[in-house]
Amino acid sequence: MSNASSAIERFSRYPLGESQSVHCPVRDVLDRIGDKWSMLMIMALAMRPHRFSELHRAVHDISKRMLTQTLRDLERDGLITRHVFPTKPPSVEYRLAPLGLSLLDPMASLVEWADRCHGDIHAARARFDGTPGDVPRQAVPARSKVHKKMA
């Protein structure tokens, strides 16, 4: 069985319809790790434990409020742990929990795929949008008459 066929067979085990969404473990988990910031936090914490300010510098375009919420959500889901040290003032450090560590292999595959396919995705967007951007002119097909009427 090919990798694609095997993946399709595994996907078919999970409901995709609206009526089942509340009970779907895939949606429940992907809502967390598929948001804008969670994977970036997990990637940073995979390197080593970080303090709040270090995470804020590592992902410089996240607001402090959103960073706080993301860290709370990841901790609630058991993906990270929060450690408070009895210093003055108290210092707090975030680390990946065992459950978060178990996410690294599948996440690394997705990150590698994104890196490998980013150019293709960028080119597809440019073709779809009708703006060549960085795509060579000959690589962008002419828009069909049907597509032009719809625009």
Protein backbone atom coordinates (compact mmCIF):
# COMPACT_ATOMS: atom_id res chain seq x y z
CA MET A 1 0.00 0.00 0.00
CA SER A 2 1.38 3.43 -0.90
CA ASN A 3 2.02 6.08 1.73
CA ALA A 4 -0.86 8.17 0.35
CA SER A 5 -3.26 5.19 0.41
CA SER A 6 -2.21 4.35 3.95
CA ALA A 7 -2.76 7.96 5.03
CA ILE A 8 -6.18 8.10 3.36
CA GLU A 9 -7.19 4.87 5.10
CA ARG A 10 -6.12 6.32 8.47
CA PHE A 11 -7.94 9.62 7.77
CA SER A 12 -11.17 7.75 7.04
CA ARG A 13 -11.36 6.65 10.69
CA TYR A 14 -12.20 10.18 11.85
CA PRO A 15 -15.48 12.05 11.29
CA LEU A 16 -15.26 15.28 9.37
CA GLY A 17 -18.93 16.29 9.44
CA GLU A 18 -20.25 19.12 11.60
CA SER A 19 -22.43 16.86 13.74
CA GLN A 20 -19.39 14.90 14.92
CA SER A 21 -16.99 17.81 15.40
CA VAL A 22 -17.51 18.04 19.18
CA HIS A 23 -16.39 14.42 19.62
CA CYS A 24 -13.60 14.39 17.04
CA PRO A 25 -10.20 13.95 18.71
CA VAL A 26 -8.44 15.18 15.58
CA ARG A 27 -10.24 18.51 15.55
CA ASP A 28 -9.78 18.90 19.29
CA VAL A 29 -6.00 18.43 19.11
CA LEU A 30 -5.44 20.23 15.80
CA ASP A 31 -7.30 23.27 17.10
CA ARG A 32 -4.48 23.65 19.64
CA ILE A 33 -1.37 22.78 17.68
CA GLY A 34 -2.70 24.22 14.44
CA ASP A 35 -3.13 27.76 15.74
CA LYS A 36 -0.82 30.59 14.77
CA TRP A 37 1.53 30.42 17.75
CA SER A 38 1.55 27.00 19.43
CA MET A 39 3.89 25.26 17.01
CA LEU A 40 6.35 28.14 17.22
CA MET A 41 6.33 27.89 21.03
CA ILE A 42 6.87 24.13 20.86
CA MET A 43 9.72 24.58 18.37
CA ALA A 44 11.42 27.11 20.67
CA LEU A 45 10.96 24.92 23.74
CA ALA A 46 12.29 21.89 21.86
CA MET A 47 15.68 23.59 21.81
CA ARG A 48 15.78 24.21 25.57
CA PRO A 49 13.66 25.59 28.44
CA HIS A 50 12.83 29.29 28.14
CA ARG A 51 11.67 32.06 30.38
CA PHE A 52 8.70 34.17 29.29
CA SER A 53 10.83 37.08 28.06
CA GLU A 54 13.06 34.70 26.08
CA LEU A 55 10.02 33.24 24.32
CA HIS A 56 8.76 36.74 23.62
CA ARG A 57 12.09 37.62 21.99
CA ALA A 58 12.25 34.31 20.10
CA VAL A 59 8.82 34.93 18.52
CA HIS A 60 9.07 38.70 18.35
CA ASP A 61 5.75 39.36 16.59
CA ILE A 62 3.58 37.77 19.31
CA SER A 63 1.97 40.07 21.86
CA LYS A 64 2.58 39.45 25.55
CA ARG A 65 -1.12 38.78 26.03
CA MET A 66 -1.20 36.19 23.24
CA LEU A 67 2.03 34.60 24.49
CA THR A 68 0.51 34.27 27.97
CA GLN A 69 -2.68 32.70 26.55
CA THR A 70 -0.77 30.32 24.28
CA LEU A 71 1.46 29.15 27.13
CA ARG A 72 -1.58 28.60 29.37
CA ASP A 73 -3.33 26.60 26.65
CA LEU A 74 -0.26 24.45 25.99
CA GLU A 75 0.14 23.85 29.72
CA ARG A 76 -3.56 22.99 30.08
CA ASP A 77 -3.22 20.43 27.27
CA GLY A 78 -0.18 18.86 28.95
CA LEU A 79 2.27 19.81 26.19
CA ILE A 80 4.44 22.10 28.34
CA THR A 81 5.20 22.53 32.01
CA ARG A 82 5.67 25.72 33.98
CA HIS A 83 8.35 25.79 36.68
CA VAL A 84 8.49 28.57 39.28
CA PHE A 85 11.81 29.08 41.07
CA PRO A 86 11.84 30.61 44.58
CA THR A 87 14.05 33.57 43.74
CA LYS A 88 13.38 37.24 44.38
CA PRO A 89 11.58 38.09 42.22
CA PRO A 90 10.33 34.56 41.37
CA SER A 91 11.50 33.31 37.99
CA VAL A 92 9.39 31.11 35.75
CA GLU A 93 10.64 28.70 33.12
CA TYR A 94 8.68 26.76 30.51
CA ARG A 95 9.69 23.29 29.29
CA LEU A 96 8.25 20.65 27.03
CA ALA A 97 6.36 17.97 28.93
CA PRO A 98 6.67 14.32 27.86
CA LEU A 99 3.49 14.72 25.78
CA GLY A 100 5.04 17.75 24.05
CA LEU A 101 8.21 15.77 23.38
CA SER A 102 6.11 13.06 21.72
CA LEU A 103 4.84 15.70 19.27
CA LEU A 104 8.34 16.60 17.99
CA ASP A 105 8.74 13.78 15.43
CA PRO A 106 5.42 14.34 13.63
CA MET A 107 5.91 18.09 13.88
CA ALA A 108 9.43 17.82 12.41
CA SER A 109 7.97 16.00 9.40
CA LEU A 110 5.46 18.80 8.87
CA VAL A 111 8.14 21.49 9.29
CA GLU A 112 10.42 19.73 6.77
CA TRP A 113 7.51 19.38 4.32
CA ALA A 114 6.68 23.10 4.72
CA ASP A 115 10.31 24.06 4.12
CA ARG A 116 10.62 21.75 1.10
CA CYS A 117 7.31 22.84 -0.47
CA HIS A 118 7.24 26.54 0.40
CA GLY A 119 8.45 27.59 -3.06
CA ASP A 120 5.78 25.47 -4.75
CA ILE A 121 3.08 26.89 -2.49
CA HIS A 122 4.28 30.45 -3.13
CA ALA A 123 4.21 29.79 -6.90
CA ALA A 124 0.72 28.29 -6.69
CA ARG A 125 -0.54 31.33 -4.79
CA ALA A 126 0.94 33.64 -7.39
CA ARG A 127 -0.69 31.65 -10.21
CA PHE A 128 -4.04 31.62 -8.43
CA ASP A 129 -3.89 35.34 -7.66
CA GLY A 130 -2.79 36.13 -11.21
CA THR A 131 0.29 37.94 -9.94
CA PRO A 132 3.55 36.34 -10.99
CA GLY A 133 5.61 37.80 -8.13
CA ASP A 134 8.82 35.77 -7.96
CA VAL A 135 7.53 33.17 -10.40
CA PRO A 136 9.11 33.31 -13.89
CA ARG A 137 6.62 34.54 -16.51
CA GLN A 138 6.55 31.27 -18.46
CA ALA A 139 5.67 29.32 -15.29
CA VAL A 140 2.40 31.24 -14.89
CA PRO A 141 -0.27 29.83 -17.23
CA ALA A 142 -2.55 32.24 -19.06
CA ARG A 143 -5.95 32.67 -17.44
CA SER A 144 -8.73 30.82 -19.23
CA LYS A 145 -11.73 32.62 -20.74
CA VAL A 146 -13.99 31.06 -18.09
CA HIS A 147 -11.70 32.28 -15.30
CA LYS A 148 -11.59 35.79 -16.83
CA LYS A 149 -15.42 35.96 -16.96
CA MET A 150 -15.59 34.99 -13.29
CA ALA A 151 -13.09 37.67 -12.24
